[in-house]
Amino acid sequence: MSIEHRLCRSAFLSTEVVQLRQICFTPGRVFEPGRYIAGDLPAIAFEMGLVERLPPIRGKHAEVRNRDDSQ
């Protein structure tokens, strides 16, 4: 049996882009798997362990992003 990895909402910045791994149903909305801003997702998605951090950007994309940020 594997250990389930859960993160709470406070482990993320509200502006951080995260990955929702599975569909998340709430009374008002259905969240499809994909990338979201952490502040836009409901707390239950974090409590159920459906949210993951995105891996850091490496290579040429990181260089382009850093160059754009410095201007």
N, C-alpha and C. Protein backbone atom coordinates (compact mmCIF):
# COMPACT_ATOMS: atom_id res chain seq x y z
N MET A 1 0.84 -1.18 0.00
CA MET A 1 0.00 0.00 0.00
C MET A 1 0.89 1.24 0.00
N SER A 2 0.61 2.19 -0.87
CA SER A 2 1.43 3.39 -0.96
C SER A 2 0.95 4.46 0.02
N ILE A 3 1.85 5.36 0.31
CA ILE A 3 1.51 6.49 1.19
C ILE A 3 0.94 7.59 0.32
N GLU A 4 -0.21 8.13 0.73
CA GLU A 4 -0.85 9.20 -0.02
C GLU A 4 -0.21 10.53 0.33
N HIS A 5 0.10 11.31 -0.67
CA HIS A 5 0.75 12.60 -0.47
C HIS A 5 -0.31 13.70 -0.53
N ARG A 6 -0.60 14.33 0.59
CA ARG A 6 -1.58 15.40 0.64
C ARG A 6 -0.90 16.70 1.00
N LEU A 7 -1.37 17.77 0.40
CA LEU A 7 -0.87 19.10 0.72
C LEU A 7 -2.05 19.97 1.10
N CYS A 8 -1.83 20.88 2.02
CA CYS A 8 -2.90 21.80 2.37
C CYS A 8 -2.77 23.07 1.54
N ARG A 9 -3.84 23.82 1.46
CA ARG A 9 -3.87 25.03 0.65
C ARG A 9 -2.79 26.01 1.08
N SER A 10 -2.48 26.08 2.37
CA SER A 10 -1.49 27.04 2.86
C SER A 10 -0.07 26.71 2.41
N ALA A 11 0.15 25.54 1.83
CA ALA A 11 1.47 25.17 1.33
C ALA A 11 1.77 25.83 -0.02
N PHE A 12 0.77 26.49 -0.61
CA PHE A 12 0.91 27.12 -1.92
C PHE A 12 0.65 28.61 -1.81
N LEU A 13 1.30 29.38 -2.67
CA LEU A 13 0.96 30.79 -2.82
C LEU A 13 -0.37 30.87 -3.55
N SER A 14 -1.18 31.87 -3.26
CA SER A 14 -2.48 31.97 -3.92
C SER A 14 -2.34 32.25 -5.41
N THR A 15 -1.17 32.74 -5.85
CA THR A 15 -0.94 33.04 -7.27
C THR A 15 -0.15 31.94 -7.98
N GLU A 16 0.21 30.89 -7.27
CA GLU A 16 1.02 29.80 -7.84
C GLU A 16 0.18 28.94 -8.78
N VAL A 17 0.75 28.55 -9.90
CA VAL A 17 0.08 27.67 -10.84
C VAL A 17 0.35 26.23 -10.41
N VAL A 18 -0.73 25.44 -10.26
CA VAL A 18 -0.64 24.06 -9.79
C VAL A 18 -1.36 23.14 -10.77
N GLN A 19 -1.14 21.84 -10.61
CA GLN A 19 -1.75 20.83 -11.46
C GLN A 19 -2.85 20.11 -10.68
N LEU A 20 -4.07 20.13 -11.19
CA LEU A 20 -5.16 19.33 -10.63
C LEU A 20 -5.14 18.00 -11.36
N ARG A 21 -4.90 16.91 -10.63
CA ARG A 21 -4.69 15.59 -11.25
C ARG A 21 -5.98 14.87 -11.61
N GLN A 22 -7.05 15.11 -10.86
CA GLN A 22 -8.31 14.41 -11.09
C GLN A 22 -9.45 15.40 -11.09
N ILE A 23 -10.58 14.97 -11.60
CA ILE A 23 -11.76 15.82 -11.60
C ILE A 23 -12.17 16.11 -10.15
N CYS A 24 -12.63 17.32 -9.89
CA CYS A 24 -13.05 17.72 -8.54
C CYS A 24 -14.45 18.31 -8.63
N PHE A 25 -15.40 17.66 -7.96
CA PHE A 25 -16.79 18.11 -7.96
C PHE A 25 -17.06 18.95 -6.72
N THR A 26 -17.66 20.10 -6.90
CA THR A 26 -18.14 20.92 -5.79
C THR A 26 -19.61 21.21 -6.05
N PRO A 27 -20.35 21.67 -5.07
CA PRO A 27 -21.78 21.97 -5.32
C PRO A 27 -22.00 23.00 -6.43
N GLY A 28 -21.06 23.92 -6.62
CA GLY A 28 -21.26 24.97 -7.60
C GLY A 28 -20.53 24.80 -8.92
N ARG A 29 -19.57 23.87 -8.97
CA ARG A 29 -18.74 23.79 -10.17
C ARG A 29 -18.03 22.44 -10.26
N VAL A 30 -17.68 22.06 -11.48
CA VAL A 30 -16.87 20.88 -11.73
C VAL A 30 -15.53 21.37 -12.26
N PHE A 31 -14.44 20.96 -11.61
CA PHE A 31 -13.10 21.34 -12.02
C PHE A 31 -12.48 20.17 -12.77
N GLU A 32 -12.17 20.37 -14.03
CA GLU A 32 -11.54 19.35 -14.86
C GLU A 32 -10.05 19.28 -14.55
N PRO A 33 -9.39 18.15 -14.76
CA PRO A 33 -7.94 18.08 -14.56
C PRO A 33 -7.22 19.09 -15.46
N GLY A 34 -6.16 19.67 -14.93
CA GLY A 34 -5.40 20.65 -15.69
C GLY A 34 -4.68 21.60 -14.76
N ARG A 35 -4.21 22.70 -15.34
CA ARG A 35 -3.47 23.70 -14.57
C ARG A 35 -4.40 24.81 -14.12
N TYR A 36 -4.25 25.20 -12.85
CA TYR A 36 -5.06 26.25 -12.25
C TYR A 36 -4.19 27.12 -11.36
N ILE A 37 -4.65 28.31 -11.07
CA ILE A 37 -4.05 29.14 -10.05
C ILE A 37 -4.56 28.59 -8.72
N ALA A 38 -3.66 28.39 -7.77
CA ALA A 38 -4.03 27.75 -6.50
C ALA A 38 -5.20 28.44 -5.81
N GLY A 39 -5.26 29.76 -5.89
CA GLY A 39 -6.34 30.50 -5.24
C GLY A 39 -7.70 30.26 -5.86
N ASP A 40 -7.76 29.74 -7.09
CA ASP A 40 -9.02 29.47 -7.78
C ASP A 40 -9.63 28.12 -7.45
N LEU A 41 -8.83 27.23 -6.87
CA LEU A 41 -9.32 25.88 -6.55
C LEU A 41 -9.95 25.84 -5.16
N PRO A 42 -10.93 24.97 -4.95
CA PRO A 42 -11.54 24.85 -3.62
C PRO A 42 -10.61 24.12 -2.66
N ALA A 43 -10.76 24.39 -1.38
CA ALA A 43 -9.92 23.77 -0.35
C ALA A 43 -10.02 22.25 -0.37
N ILE A 44 -11.18 21.71 -0.73
CA ILE A 44 -11.37 20.26 -0.72
C ILE A 44 -10.43 19.57 -1.71
N ALA A 45 -10.08 20.24 -2.81
CA ALA A 45 -9.15 19.65 -3.78
C ALA A 45 -7.78 19.42 -3.14
N PHE A 46 -7.36 20.35 -2.28
CA PHE A 46 -6.08 20.20 -1.58
C PHE A 46 -6.19 19.13 -0.50
N GLU A 47 -7.30 19.13 0.24
CA GLU A 47 -7.50 18.17 1.33
C GLU A 47 -7.58 16.74 0.82
N MET A 48 -8.11 16.56 -0.37
CA MET A 48 -8.23 15.22 -0.95
C MET A 48 -6.96 14.76 -1.65
N GLY A 49 -5.96 15.63 -1.74
CA GLY A 49 -4.69 15.26 -2.38
C GLY A 49 -4.74 15.25 -3.89
N LEU A 50 -5.62 16.07 -4.48
CA LEU A 50 -5.77 16.11 -5.93
C LEU A 50 -4.84 17.12 -6.60
N VAL A 51 -4.14 17.93 -5.80
CA VAL A 51 -3.32 19.02 -6.33
C VAL A 51 -1.84 18.71 -6.16
N GLU A 52 -1.06 19.01 -7.22
CA GLU A 52 0.39 18.83 -7.17
C GLU A 52 1.08 20.11 -7.62
N ARG A 53 2.30 20.30 -7.13
CA ARG A 53 3.14 21.39 -7.63
C ARG A 53 3.61 21.02 -9.03
N LEU A 54 3.80 22.02 -9.86
CA LEU A 54 4.37 21.79 -11.18
C LEU A 54 5.89 21.74 -11.04
N PRO A 55 6.55 20.92 -11.83
CA PRO A 55 8.02 20.87 -11.76
C PRO A 55 8.61 22.19 -12.21
N PRO A 56 9.80 22.54 -11.73
CA PRO A 56 10.42 23.80 -12.14
C PRO A 56 10.75 23.79 -13.63
N ILE A 57 10.74 24.97 -14.22
CA ILE A 57 11.06 25.10 -15.64
C ILE A 57 12.57 25.02 -15.80
N ARG A 58 13.02 24.25 -16.79
CA ARG A 58 14.45 24.08 -17.03
C ARG A 58 14.76 24.39 -18.49
N GLY A 59 16.02 24.62 -18.76
CA GLY A 59 16.48 24.78 -20.13
C GLY A 59 16.17 26.13 -20.73
N LYS A 60 15.92 26.13 -22.03
CA LYS A 60 15.73 27.37 -22.77
C LYS A 60 14.50 28.14 -22.30
N HIS A 61 13.44 27.45 -21.91
CA HIS A 61 12.24 28.14 -21.45
C HIS A 61 12.52 28.95 -20.19
N ALA A 62 13.31 28.43 -19.28
CA ALA A 62 13.66 29.16 -18.06
C ALA A 62 14.47 30.39 -18.39
N GLU A 63 15.38 30.27 -19.36
CA GLU A 63 16.20 31.42 -19.75
C GLU A 63 15.34 32.53 -20.35
N VAL A 64 14.38 32.17 -21.18
CA VAL A 64 13.49 33.15 -21.80
C VAL A 64 12.65 33.82 -20.73
N ARG A 65 12.10 33.05 -19.81
CA ARG A 65 11.28 33.62 -18.75
C ARG A 65 12.10 34.58 -17.90
N ASN A 66 13.33 34.19 -17.53
CA ASN A 66 14.17 35.07 -16.71
C ASN A 66 14.51 36.35 -17.45
N ARG A 67 14.77 36.27 -18.73
CA ARG A 67 15.09 37.45 -19.52
C ARG A 67 13.88 38.38 -19.58
N ASP A 68 12.68 37.83 -19.74
CA ASP A 68 11.46 38.64 -19.79
C ASP A 68 11.18 39.30 -18.45
N ASP A 69 11.44 38.61 -17.35
CA ASP A 69 11.16 39.16 -16.01
C ASP A 69 12.08 40.31 -15.67
N SER A 70 13.30 40.33 -16.22
CA SER A 70 14.26 41.35 -15.84
C SER A 70 13.98 42.70 -16.51
N GLN A 71 13.10 42.73 -17.50
CA GLN A 71 12.83 43.99 -18.22
C GLN A 71 11.78 44.80 -17.53
